[in-house]
Amino acid sequence: MTVVTQLREYAKSEAVSIATVLDISQVLERFPDFRAAMVVAEDLTLTPETDPALETAVAAIEAEAAALVSARPLAEIAELQVWRAAYKAFGVKKTSYRSSVERLLKQVQQGRGLPRINSLVDSYNAMSARHRLPVGADDLAKIAGPLTFRFARPGDDFFALGAAHPANDPPKLGEVVYADSEKLLCRRWNWYQDGRSATDAATRGAVLTVQSLGGVGRLEPAVEELCAWLRRFCGARTAWAVADADTPRVDI
């Protein structure tokens, strides 16, 4: 192998490695029981038309979630309580700002069910509702790694996904954010996604996170089931790793 070829292969491997690194060390300083699984899914085939098998599976989870939220208030669900406490700890007091999983379950509680977008989004929303853990996804091609959960700092900007006229809504200093090396991917830990890294119909590779806090929720089983759904309903190849207090930086 020539030196030039070696350098090209090295650069290629470095790009892949850096784009699929997750570091949660900064957040662990204040939230030592935070755990985050990073899932890399490649060779995705996203279909807006719902596969009958996927629709049946999502509807079953929708029914499970509806039964749960009709039986008890959202505030009494342990997996939601920990995120409410964490948001309050870094200065979020408005009740309109809730974790992504709580917003998803609230939608079910209100009778609107789980959204139907495409096979990728429908799969991870269903897993979020079933396991009551925040789950999100970003397009691998739109990420400039490494990925970090960290505290907001001066210069951070944020452009909300789905805004008709996106305007910068920067986070407050000290707010927990999810970011790559160039931009925010999500504000208020897992509250709302930035539109610049969002998946769409053309997405062929994605990085997903499944998040756990306070020792509640079964992270690994949730990730295993999520990967099974991505393989079955999106044709994906998947790999995953968990960052925690013992291993705060992981790569795939």
Protein backbone atom coordinates (compact mmCIF):
# COMPACT_ATOMS: atom_id res chain seq x y z
CA MET A 1 0.00 0.00 0.00
CA THR A 2 1.42 3.40 -0.98
CA VAL A 3 1.85 6.20 1.55
CA VAL A 4 -0.89 8.22 -0.18
CA THR A 5 -3.28 5.28 -0.03
CA GLN A 6 -2.42 4.73 3.62
CA LEU A 7 -3.18 8.37 4.40
CA ARG A 8 -6.51 8.19 2.56
CA GLU A 9 -7.50 5.04 4.43
CA TYR A 10 -6.43 6.63 7.71
CA ALA A 11 -8.45 9.76 6.99
CA LYS A 12 -11.48 7.67 6.05
CA SER A 13 -11.27 5.63 9.26
CA GLU A 14 -10.76 8.76 11.36
CA ALA A 15 -13.86 10.39 9.84
CA VAL A 16 -15.98 7.37 10.63
CA SER A 17 -14.56 7.06 14.13
CA ILE A 18 -14.95 10.72 15.07
CA ALA A 19 -18.52 10.87 13.77
CA THR A 20 -19.52 7.98 15.99
CA VAL A 21 -17.94 9.00 19.28
CA LEU A 22 -20.16 9.89 22.26
CA ASP A 23 -18.82 11.68 25.35
CA ILE A 24 -20.97 12.33 28.43
CA SER A 25 -18.17 13.12 30.90
CA GLN A 26 -19.11 16.76 31.47
CA VAL A 27 -22.71 15.98 32.42
CA LEU A 28 -21.61 13.20 34.77
CA GLU A 29 -20.04 15.79 37.04
CA ARG A 30 -23.54 16.84 38.16
CA PHE A 31 -25.60 13.84 37.08
CA PRO A 32 -23.42 10.79 37.85
CA ASP A 33 -26.18 8.27 37.14
CA PHE A 34 -26.77 9.44 33.57
CA ARG A 35 -26.39 6.69 30.97
CA ALA A 36 -26.70 7.06 27.21
CA ALA A 37 -26.64 4.43 24.52
CA MET A 38 -25.43 5.45 21.08
CA VAL A 39 -26.84 3.41 18.21
CA VAL A 40 -25.42 3.68 14.70
CA ALA A 41 -27.80 2.49 11.98
CA GLU A 42 -26.63 2.25 8.38
CA ASP A 43 -28.15 1.11 5.07
CA LEU A 44 -31.52 2.48 6.13
CA THR A 45 -34.51 2.29 3.83
CA LEU A 46 -37.16 4.69 5.10
CA THR A 47 -40.72 4.28 3.93
CA PRO A 48 -43.46 6.87 4.58
CA GLU A 49 -46.10 4.27 3.79
CA THR A 50 -46.63 2.27 6.95
CA ASP A 51 -45.74 -1.39 6.70
CA PRO A 52 -48.79 -3.35 7.97
CA ALA A 53 -46.55 -5.28 10.37
CA LEU A 54 -45.02 -2.04 11.69
CA GLU A 55 -48.45 -0.45 12.07
CA THR A 56 -49.69 -3.44 14.05
CA ALA A 57 -46.64 -3.33 16.32
CA VAL A 58 -46.89 0.44 16.87
CA ALA A 59 -50.62 0.22 17.58
CA ALA A 60 -50.00 -2.42 20.24
CA ILE A 61 -47.48 -0.18 22.00
CA GLU A 62 -49.83 2.77 21.61
CA ALA A 63 -52.48 0.77 23.46
CA GLU A 64 -50.00 -0.16 26.21
CA ALA A 65 -49.03 3.49 26.63
CA ALA A 66 -52.66 4.62 26.69
CA ALA A 67 -53.41 2.13 29.45
CA LEU A 68 -50.43 3.34 31.47
CA VAL A 69 -51.23 7.06 31.27
CA SER A 70 -54.91 6.51 31.99
CA ALA A 71 -54.03 4.58 35.13
CA ARG A 72 -51.78 7.18 36.72
CA PRO A 73 -50.76 10.84 36.29
CA LEU A 74 -47.63 11.51 34.25
CA ALA A 75 -46.06 13.07 37.35
CA GLU A 76 -46.19 9.69 39.12
CA ILE A 77 -44.31 7.75 36.44
CA ALA A 78 -40.78 7.19 37.76
CA GLU A 79 -39.08 7.41 34.36
CA LEU A 80 -40.62 10.87 33.86
CA GLN A 81 -40.03 12.10 37.41
CA VAL A 82 -36.25 11.84 37.06
CA TRP A 83 -36.22 14.09 34.00
CA ARG A 84 -38.47 16.66 35.65
CA ALA A 85 -36.04 16.81 38.56
CA ALA A 86 -33.02 17.06 36.25
CA TYR A 87 -34.57 19.87 34.20
CA LYS A 88 -35.30 21.77 37.41
CA ALA A 89 -31.73 21.21 38.59
CA PHE A 90 -30.30 23.08 35.61
CA GLY A 91 -32.82 25.90 35.79
CA VAL A 92 -35.85 24.85 33.73
CA LYS A 93 -38.95 25.78 35.71
CA LYS A 94 -41.65 26.12 33.03
CA THR A 95 -43.94 23.12 32.84
CA SER A 96 -44.09 23.54 29.07
CA TYR A 97 -40.54 22.20 28.89
CA ARG A 98 -40.63 18.45 29.43
CA SER A 99 -38.49 15.54 28.27
CA SER A 100 -39.20 14.12 24.84
CA VAL A 101 -40.60 10.91 26.31
CA GLU A 102 -43.03 12.81 28.54
CA ARG A 103 -44.23 14.90 25.59
CA LEU A 104 -44.75 11.70 23.62
CA LEU A 105 -46.78 10.07 26.41
CA LYS A 106 -48.77 13.26 26.93
CA GLN A 107 -49.79 13.12 23.28
CA VAL A 108 -51.05 9.58 23.86
CA GLN A 109 -52.83 10.71 27.02
CA GLN A 110 -54.60 13.42 25.05
CA GLY A 111 -55.92 10.82 22.60
CA ARG A 112 -53.69 11.82 19.69
CA GLY A 113 -51.69 8.61 19.74
CA LEU A 114 -48.15 8.16 18.52
CA PRO A 115 -47.21 10.13 15.39
CA ARG A 116 -46.74 8.31 12.09
CA ILE A 117 -43.85 9.80 10.10
CA ASN A 118 -41.76 7.07 8.51
CA SER A 119 -40.39 3.68 9.46
CA LEU A 120 -37.40 5.10 11.35
CA VAL A 121 -39.24 7.72 13.39
CA ASP A 122 -42.18 5.44 14.06
CA SER A 123 -39.82 2.73 15.31
CA TYR A 124 -37.90 4.87 17.77
CA ASN A 125 -41.00 6.69 19.02
CA ALA A 126 -42.60 3.33 19.75
CA MET A 127 -39.51 2.21 21.67
CA SER A 128 -39.47 5.47 23.62
CA ALA A 129 -43.12 5.01 24.60
CA ARG A 130 -42.73 1.33 25.51
CA HIS A 131 -39.60 1.70 27.63
CA ARG A 132 -40.35 5.25 28.82
CA LEU A 133 -36.88 6.48 27.88
CA PRO A 134 -35.98 9.46 25.68
CA VAL A 135 -34.93 8.37 22.20
CA GLY A 136 -33.81 10.62 19.35
CA ALA A 137 -32.09 10.38 15.98
CA ASP A 138 -29.83 12.50 13.79
CA ASP A 139 -28.73 12.02 10.23
CA LEU A 140 -25.21 10.60 10.20
CA ALA A 141 -24.35 12.63 7.08
CA LYS A 142 -25.27 15.90 8.82
CA ILE A 143 -23.13 15.37 11.91
CA ALA A 144 -19.64 16.71 12.54
CA GLY A 145 -18.46 14.51 15.39
CA PRO A 146 -17.68 13.86 18.10
CA LEU A 147 -21.05 13.92 19.87
CA THR A 148 -21.34 15.21 23.42
CA PHE A 149 -23.85 15.79 26.16
CA ARG A 150 -22.52 18.92 27.83
CA PHE A 151 -23.48 22.23 29.39
CA ALA A 152 -24.35 25.14 27.10
CA ARG A 153 -21.68 27.77 26.53
CA PRO A 154 -21.40 31.19 24.87
CA GLY A 155 -21.80 31.01 21.11
CA ASP A 156 -24.16 28.04 21.06
CA ASP A 157 -27.08 28.55 18.69
CA PHE A 158 -30.27 26.59 18.13
CA PHE A 159 -32.78 26.44 15.27
CA ALA A 160 -35.85 24.41 16.15
CA LEU A 161 -36.90 21.55 13.93
CA GLY A 162 -40.08 22.28 11.99
CA ALA A 163 -40.10 26.05 12.52
CA ALA A 164 -41.68 27.85 9.56
CA HIS A 165 -39.09 30.61 9.79
CA PRO A 166 -36.19 29.24 11.85
CA ALA A 167 -34.70 31.80 14.19
CA ASN A 168 -31.84 31.39 16.59
CA ASP A 169 -33.08 30.45 20.07
CA PRO A 170 -29.82 29.94 21.97
CA PRO A 171 -29.73 27.92 25.19
CA LYS A 172 -29.13 29.49 28.56
CA LEU A 173 -25.68 29.02 30.02
CA GLY A 174 -25.60 25.90 32.17
CA GLU A 175 -28.42 24.20 30.32
CA VAL A 176 -27.68 20.59 29.36
CA VAL A 177 -27.47 20.22 25.58
CA TYR A 178 -26.61 17.52 23.05
CA ALA A 179 -24.16 18.70 20.40
CA ASP A 180 -21.62 17.79 17.78
CA SER A 181 -18.41 19.75 17.22
CA GLU A 182 -20.15 22.49 15.20
CA LYS A 183 -23.71 22.87 16.43
CA LEU A 184 -26.39 21.86 18.89
CA LEU A 185 -28.43 18.78 18.08
CA CYS A 186 -30.92 19.12 20.93
CA ARG A 187 -31.79 21.70 23.60
CA ARG A 188 -32.66 21.07 27.25
CA TRP A 189 -31.00 17.65 27.22
CA ASN A 190 -33.70 15.87 25.20
CA TRP A 191 -36.49 18.44 24.98
CA TYR A 192 -36.41 19.50 21.32
CA GLN A 193 -34.29 18.79 18.26
CA ASP A 194 -32.35 21.23 16.11
CA GLY A 195 -33.45 21.06 12.47
CA ARG A 196 -29.94 21.07 11.01
CA SER A 197 -29.25 17.42 11.79
CA ALA A 198 -32.75 16.01 11.40
CA THR A 199 -33.42 12.80 9.53
CA ASP A 200 -35.65 12.83 6.46
CA ALA A 201 -36.74 10.55 3.63
CA ALA A 202 -33.24 10.63 2.12
CA THR A 203 -31.49 9.51 5.30
CA ARG A 204 -29.40 6.38 4.83
CA GLY A 205 -27.45 6.48 8.06
CA ALA A 206 -28.47 7.69 11.51
CA VAL A 207 -27.09 8.05 15.01
CA LEU A 208 -29.66 7.46 17.73
CA THR A 209 -29.42 7.97 21.46
CA VAL A 210 -31.41 6.20 24.16
CA GLN A 211 -31.09 7.92 27.52
CA SER A 212 -31.54 6.83 31.11
CA LEU A 213 -31.28 8.76 34.38
CA GLY A 214 -31.57 7.98 38.05
CA GLY A 215 -31.24 4.26 37.69
CA VAL A 216 -34.79 3.88 36.36
CA GLY A 217 -35.64 2.22 33.09
CA ARG A 218 -34.01 -0.78 31.45
CA LEU A 219 -31.59 0.75 28.99
CA GLU A 220 -29.97 -2.29 27.39
CA PRO A 221 -33.22 -4.18 26.67
CA ALA A 222 -34.63 -0.99 25.13
CA VAL A 223 -31.60 -0.64 22.86
CA GLU A 224 -31.71 -4.30 21.83
CA GLU A 225 -35.37 -4.03 20.89
CA LEU A 226 -34.81 -0.75 19.06
CA CYS A 227 -32.05 -2.34 16.97
CA ALA A 228 -34.28 -5.31 16.19
CA TRP A 229 -36.98 -2.95 14.92
CA LEU A 230 -34.49 -0.96 12.84
CA ARG A 231 -33.27 -4.15 11.22
CA ARG A 232 -36.76 -5.48 10.63
CA PHE A 233 -38.58 -2.36 9.50
CA CYS A 234 -35.77 -0.22 8.04
CA GLY A 235 -33.40 -2.87 6.70
CA ALA A 236 -30.61 -1.41 8.83
CA ARG A 237 -27.26 -2.67 9.99
CA THR A 238 -26.84 -1.62 13.61
CA ALA A 239 -24.17 -1.34 16.28
CA TRP A 240 -24.34 0.23 19.71
CA ALA A 241 -22.44 1.11 22.87
CA VAL A 242 -23.37 2.55 26.27
CA ALA A 243 -21.65 5.55 27.89
CA ASP A 244 -21.87 5.75 31.68
CA ALA A 245 -19.85 6.71 34.75
CA ASP A 246 -17.45 3.81 34.22
CA THR A 247 -17.04 4.46 30.49
CA PRO A 248 -17.96 8.09 29.76
CA ARG A 249 -16.61 8.06 26.20
CA VAL A 250 -17.55 5.35 23.71
CA ASP A 251 -17.13 4.90 19.98
CA ILE A 252 -18.46 2.55 17.34
